[in-house]
Amino acid sequence: MRRMNLPAYGVGIGWRPEISGFVAELPGLRFVEVVAESIAAGGPPPAALTTLRERGTVVVPHGVRLSLGGAEPVEPDRVTHLARVAELLDAPLVSEHIAFVRAAGVEAGHLLPVPRTRDSVDALVENVNRTQAELPVPLALEPIAALFDWPDDELGEAEFLTEILDRTGALLLLDIANVYANARNRGTDPVDLLDRLPLDRVAYVHVAGGAEHDGIYHDTHTDPTPAPVLELVGELCARHRPPALLLERDGRYPPAQALRDELDAIAAAAGYPAIT
């Protein structure tokens, strides 16, 4: 298995076909992330991604359909696809979610939160280990934003995550927007949660926007990154070696200048040079 080779610091963006032209024009782009299931494993990658790779931009496949947190074993075909996409893109690592997306053969179409129980830890560890056995590169796990906690939770979020990482050797994809969303919806301090997470395992970091509806904060990926999330980026960088930060936008794309401003705001929060 190759060692991870992400940029030691810098700002990237999630590659989406709708903004591929904008992404290709960014002069200071260090890396991009692409939804793994959007890439055909048997053919060449999209031309725009090939151009980025030729320019030296790192491309990271991000899986959304493995259902690592499901009670059922991961489907071998989906793991094989993720492994082939990693090879196709010459990726230094891949990432997936601590979540489940299906049960009893029914696809939810959404990332669903896993109960933080000992049984869930065991199921996740088994699925992560099965996945890592086939991957040619390291795997980073992303805890998701959740609107609720399961009533039978036995572990806190940080304790749950740390045990999974310790038992699998996986890396952490830290979504700083999810840290904010989960703490806000629980009425707790996001900095306190940040301080209890295993930051020494961070591979890279997601940054995204959200919006409040009826008293609940939703991690939308279609709104600008709010000031409290940018402040958390600064808190993270004060506690951890400078991470690679990636902006996630998944719809309602603003004009190019607004996206540039958002990327530069993320860079400024981390103390990095402007990307644009």
Protein backbone atom coordinates (compact mmCIF):
# COMPACT_ATOMS: atom_id res chain seq x y z
CA MET A 1 0.00 0.00 0.00
CA ARG A 2 1.39 3.40 -0.98
CA ARG A 3 1.79 6.15 1.57
CA MET A 4 -0.55 9.11 1.54
CA ASN A 5 0.85 12.03 -0.44
CA LEU A 6 -1.62 14.89 -0.14
CA PRO A 7 -0.26 18.43 -0.13
CA ALA A 8 0.94 19.26 3.38
CA TYR A 9 -1.29 22.31 3.34
CA GLY A 10 -3.41 24.32 0.96
CA VAL A 11 -6.96 24.62 -0.33
CA GLY A 12 -8.89 22.46 -2.79
CA ILE A 13 -12.45 22.09 -4.01
CA GLY A 14 -14.83 19.25 -4.76
CA TRP A 15 -14.79 18.64 -8.50
CA ARG A 16 -18.23 18.62 -10.07
CA PRO A 17 -19.07 18.65 -13.81
CA GLU A 18 -21.12 21.83 -13.34
CA ILE A 19 -18.05 23.81 -12.20
CA SER A 20 -15.30 21.92 -14.02
CA GLY A 21 -14.41 24.95 -16.14
CA PHE A 22 -14.10 27.15 -13.08
CA VAL A 23 -11.96 24.58 -11.28
CA ALA A 24 -9.63 24.21 -14.27
CA GLU A 25 -8.90 27.95 -14.18
CA LEU A 26 -7.87 28.13 -10.51
CA PRO A 27 -4.11 28.87 -10.48
CA GLY A 28 -3.39 27.95 -6.87
CA LEU A 29 -5.42 24.75 -6.64
CA ARG A 30 -3.59 22.04 -4.67
CA PHE A 31 -6.07 19.17 -4.87
CA VAL A 32 -9.61 18.19 -5.80
CA GLU A 33 -11.98 15.52 -4.59
CA VAL A 34 -14.30 13.61 -6.94
CA VAL A 35 -17.28 11.42 -6.07
CA ALA A 36 -15.92 7.94 -6.77
CA GLU A 37 -19.23 6.56 -8.02
CA SER A 38 -19.34 9.26 -10.72
CA ILE A 39 -16.23 7.78 -12.38
CA ALA A 40 -16.44 4.75 -14.64
CA ALA A 41 -13.73 2.36 -13.50
CA GLY A 42 -13.37 0.78 -16.93
CA GLY A 43 -12.67 3.88 -18.97
CA PRO A 44 -10.58 7.04 -18.98
CA PRO A 45 -11.46 9.73 -16.42
CA PRO A 46 -13.19 12.92 -17.60
CA ALA A 47 -10.91 15.09 -19.68
CA ALA A 48 -11.09 17.90 -17.14
CA LEU A 49 -9.72 15.63 -14.40
CA THR A 50 -6.97 14.41 -16.72
CA THR A 51 -5.96 18.02 -17.38
CA LEU A 52 -5.81 18.74 -13.65
CA ARG A 53 -3.67 15.67 -13.01
CA GLU A 54 -1.27 16.64 -15.79
CA ARG A 55 -0.97 20.03 -14.11
CA GLY A 56 0.06 18.37 -10.86
CA THR A 57 -3.26 18.66 -9.02
CA VAL A 58 -3.93 15.72 -6.69
CA VAL A 59 -7.29 13.95 -7.25
CA VAL A 60 -8.92 12.09 -4.32
CA PRO A 61 -11.88 9.71 -4.88
CA HIS A 62 -14.62 10.16 -2.27
CA GLY A 63 -17.02 7.22 -1.91
CA VAL A 64 -20.68 7.63 -0.95
CA ARG A 65 -22.19 4.15 -1.41
CA LEU A 66 -20.15 1.58 0.51
CA SER A 67 -22.42 1.71 3.59
CA LEU A 68 -19.54 0.98 5.95
CA GLY A 69 -21.85 1.45 8.93
CA GLY A 70 -24.43 -1.07 7.80
CA ALA A 71 -25.04 -4.34 9.61
CA GLU A 72 -24.46 -6.20 6.34
CA PRO A 73 -20.98 -6.77 4.86
CA VAL A 74 -19.84 -4.26 2.28
CA GLU A 75 -20.62 -5.33 -1.27
CA PRO A 76 -17.41 -6.56 -2.94
CA ASP A 77 -18.25 -4.99 -6.31
CA ARG A 78 -18.48 -1.54 -4.74
CA VAL A 79 -15.16 -1.95 -2.97
CA THR A 80 -13.57 -3.14 -6.22
CA HIS A 81 -14.91 -0.09 -8.02
CA LEU A 82 -13.42 2.26 -5.42
CA ALA A 83 -10.07 0.49 -5.68
CA ARG A 84 -10.05 0.73 -9.48
CA VAL A 85 -10.95 4.41 -9.45
CA ALA A 86 -8.07 5.06 -7.06
CA GLU A 87 -5.69 3.38 -9.50
CA LEU A 88 -7.21 5.14 -12.50
CA LEU A 89 -6.71 8.56 -10.92
CA ASP A 90 -3.33 7.68 -9.35
CA ALA A 91 -4.86 8.80 -6.06
CA PRO A 92 -2.77 8.95 -2.87
CA LEU A 93 -5.77 7.88 -0.75
CA VAL A 94 -9.54 7.43 -0.87
CA SER A 95 -12.27 8.42 1.57
CA GLU A 96 -15.70 7.20 2.65
CA HIS A 97 -18.27 7.89 5.36
CA ILE A 98 -19.02 6.49 8.76
CA ALA A 99 -22.66 5.98 7.82
CA PHE A 100 -25.04 3.49 6.30
CA VAL A 101 -26.98 3.95 3.07
CA ARG A 102 -28.91 0.68 2.78
CA ALA A 103 -30.41 -2.13 4.83
CA ALA A 104 -32.02 -5.41 3.75
CA GLY A 105 -31.30 -4.49 0.14
CA VAL A 106 -33.14 -1.16 0.31
CA GLU A 107 -31.13 1.89 -0.79
CA ALA A 108 -31.88 5.02 1.24
CA GLY A 109 -30.27 7.47 -1.16
CA HIS A 110 -28.85 9.37 1.83
CA LEU A 111 -26.03 9.05 4.34
CA LEU A 112 -27.66 7.92 7.58
CA PRO A 113 -26.12 8.16 11.07
CA VAL A 114 -24.92 5.01 12.78
CA PRO A 115 -25.91 4.33 16.42
CA ARG A 116 -22.82 4.90 18.55
CA THR A 117 -22.92 1.45 20.18
CA ARG A 118 -20.32 -1.26 20.72
CA ASP A 119 -22.10 -3.43 18.17
CA SER A 120 -21.89 -0.64 15.61
CA VAL A 121 -18.17 -0.25 16.29
CA ASP A 122 -17.67 -3.97 15.63
CA ALA A 123 -19.67 -3.86 12.39
CA LEU A 124 -17.82 -0.78 11.17
CA VAL A 125 -14.43 -2.25 11.99
CA GLU A 126 -15.24 -5.42 10.04
CA ASN A 127 -16.42 -3.47 6.99
CA VAL A 128 -13.52 -1.04 7.08
CA ASN A 129 -11.02 -3.89 7.33
CA ARG A 130 -12.67 -5.73 4.43
CA THR A 131 -12.46 -2.55 2.37
CA GLN A 132 -8.86 -1.75 3.27
CA ALA A 133 -7.78 -5.27 2.34
CA GLU A 134 -8.61 -4.55 -1.30
CA LEU A 135 -7.66 -0.88 -1.57
CA PRO A 136 -4.24 -0.02 -3.05
CA VAL A 137 -4.06 3.19 -0.99
CA PRO A 138 -4.98 4.34 2.55
CA LEU A 139 -8.61 4.97 3.54
CA ALA A 140 -9.84 8.08 5.38
CA LEU A 141 -13.17 7.93 7.23
CA GLU A 142 -15.56 10.88 7.49
CA PRO A 143 -18.05 11.22 10.37
CA ILE A 144 -21.26 12.71 8.98
CA ALA A 145 -23.53 15.53 10.13
CA ALA A 146 -26.58 14.17 11.93
CA LEU A 147 -29.87 15.82 12.87
CA PHE A 148 -30.34 13.50 15.84
CA ASP A 149 -28.60 11.02 18.14
CA TRP A 150 -29.92 7.47 18.49
CA PRO A 151 -31.52 6.83 21.91
CA ASP A 152 -29.36 3.73 22.49
CA ASP A 153 -26.02 5.49 21.95
CA GLU A 154 -23.36 4.15 24.32
CA LEU A 155 -20.38 6.28 23.26
CA GLY A 156 -19.70 9.94 22.67
CA GLU A 157 -18.87 11.02 19.13
CA ALA A 158 -15.14 11.44 19.76
CA GLU A 159 -14.85 8.18 21.70
CA PHE A 160 -16.78 6.29 19.01
CA LEU A 161 -14.61 7.66 16.22
CA THR A 162 -11.32 7.15 18.05
CA GLU A 163 -12.06 3.49 18.75
CA ILE A 164 -12.87 2.84 15.08
CA LEU A 165 -9.66 4.53 13.91
CA ASP A 166 -7.55 2.76 16.53
CA ARG A 167 -8.91 -0.67 15.60
CA THR A 168 -8.61 -0.22 11.83
CA GLY A 169 -5.61 2.05 11.37
CA ALA A 170 -7.71 4.22 9.07
CA LEU A 171 -7.17 7.96 8.69
CA LEU A 172 -9.65 10.72 9.51
CA LEU A 173 -11.38 12.92 6.97
CA LEU A 174 -12.44 15.70 9.32
CA ASP A 175 -15.45 17.67 8.14
CA ILE A 176 -15.21 20.87 10.17
CA ALA A 177 -18.70 21.89 9.03
CA ASN A 178 -20.06 18.63 10.46
CA VAL A 179 -18.34 19.38 13.78
CA TYR A 180 -20.15 22.70 13.83
CA ALA A 181 -23.50 21.26 12.73
CA ASN A 182 -23.51 18.42 15.24
CA ALA A 183 -22.47 20.62 18.15
CA ARG A 184 -24.98 23.31 17.27
CA ASN A 185 -27.86 20.84 16.95
CA ARG A 186 -26.92 19.27 20.30
CA GLY A 187 -26.50 22.62 22.00
CA THR A 188 -22.85 21.94 22.79
CA ASP A 189 -19.54 23.71 22.12
CA PRO A 190 -17.95 22.76 18.76
CA VAL A 191 -14.48 23.69 20.04
CA ASP A 192 -14.90 21.22 22.90
CA LEU A 193 -15.76 18.48 20.40
CA LEU A 194 -12.80 19.49 18.24
CA ASP A 195 -10.47 19.17 21.23
CA ARG A 196 -11.63 15.59 21.88
CA LEU A 197 -11.18 14.35 18.31
CA PRO A 198 -8.04 12.43 17.24
CA LEU A 199 -6.55 15.28 15.22
CA ASP A 200 -3.27 13.40 14.83
CA ARG A 201 -5.10 11.10 12.37
CA VAL A 202 -6.39 13.86 10.06
CA ALA A 203 -5.71 13.22 6.37
CA TYR A 204 -7.54 16.29 5.09
CA VAL A 205 -10.48 18.52 5.98
CA HIS A 206 -13.87 19.32 4.47
CA VAL A 207 -15.32 22.82 4.74
CA ALA A 208 -18.91 23.51 3.69
CA GLY A 209 -21.90 25.76 4.15
CA GLY A 210 -25.28 25.15 5.69
CA ALA A 211 -28.48 26.84 6.77
CA GLU A 212 -30.90 26.78 9.69
CA HIS A 213 -34.51 25.72 9.19
CA ASP A 214 -37.01 25.51 12.06
CA GLY A 215 -34.25 25.64 14.65
CA ILE A 216 -32.18 22.83 13.07
CA TYR A 217 -28.91 23.49 11.29
CA HIS A 218 -28.66 21.56 8.01
CA ASP A 219 -25.33 20.75 6.36
CA THR A 220 -26.57 21.67 2.88
CA HIS A 221 -23.39 22.09 0.78
CA THR A 222 -25.47 24.59 -1.22
CA ASP A 223 -24.99 27.65 1.01
CA PRO A 224 -21.89 29.77 1.65
CA THR A 225 -19.55 28.72 4.43
CA PRO A 226 -20.73 30.63 7.54
CA ALA A 227 -18.43 32.66 9.76
CA PRO A 228 -18.57 30.18 12.71
CA VAL A 229 -17.26 27.38 10.46
CA LEU A 230 -14.43 29.61 9.24
CA GLU A 231 -13.63 30.38 12.87
CA LEU A 232 -13.44 26.63 13.54
CA VAL A 233 -10.95 26.32 10.68
CA GLY A 234 -8.77 28.79 12.55
CA GLU A 235 -9.21 26.85 15.81
CA LEU A 236 -8.21 23.63 14.02
CA CYS A 237 -5.10 25.17 12.49
CA ALA A 238 -4.07 26.48 15.91
CA ARG A 239 -4.18 22.92 17.29
CA HIS A 240 -2.98 20.79 14.38
CA ARG A 241 -0.33 20.84 11.70
CA PRO A 242 -1.58 22.88 8.70
CA PRO A 243 -4.11 20.61 6.97
CA ALA A 244 -5.25 20.38 3.38
CA LEU A 245 -8.70 22.03 3.28
CA LEU A 246 -11.37 21.27 0.70
CA LEU A 247 -14.51 23.28 -0.08
CA GLU A 248 -17.59 21.16 -0.77
CA ARG A 249 -20.33 22.65 -2.97
CA ASP A 250 -23.01 20.35 -4.35
CA GLY A 251 -25.56 22.61 -5.98
CA ARG A 252 -26.89 26.16 -6.27
CA TYR A 253 -23.45 27.18 -7.50
CA PRO A 254 -22.86 30.92 -7.16
CA PRO A 255 -21.07 33.09 -9.72
CA ALA A 256 -17.38 32.34 -10.18
CA GLN A 257 -16.28 35.40 -8.19
CA ALA A 258 -18.35 34.31 -5.19
CA LEU A 259 -16.72 30.87 -5.28
CA ARG A 260 -13.28 32.49 -5.51
CA ASP A 261 -14.10 34.68 -2.53
CA GLU A 262 -15.24 31.65 -0.52
CA LEU A 263 -12.04 29.75 -1.30
CA ASP A 264 -9.95 32.77 -0.34
CA ALA A 265 -11.92 33.15 2.91
CA ILE A 266 -11.10 29.54 3.80
CA ALA A 267 -7.43 30.13 2.97
CA ALA A 268 -7.40 33.30 5.09
CA ALA A 269 -9.01 31.50 8.05
CA ALA A 270 -6.17 28.95 7.91
CA GLY A 271 -3.46 31.54 7.37
CA TYR A 272 -2.70 30.30 3.85
CA PRO A 273 -2.02 32.38 0.72
CA ALA A 274 -5.05 33.20 -1.40
CA ILE A 275 -5.84 30.47 -3.91
CA THR A 276 -7.16 32.76 -6.63
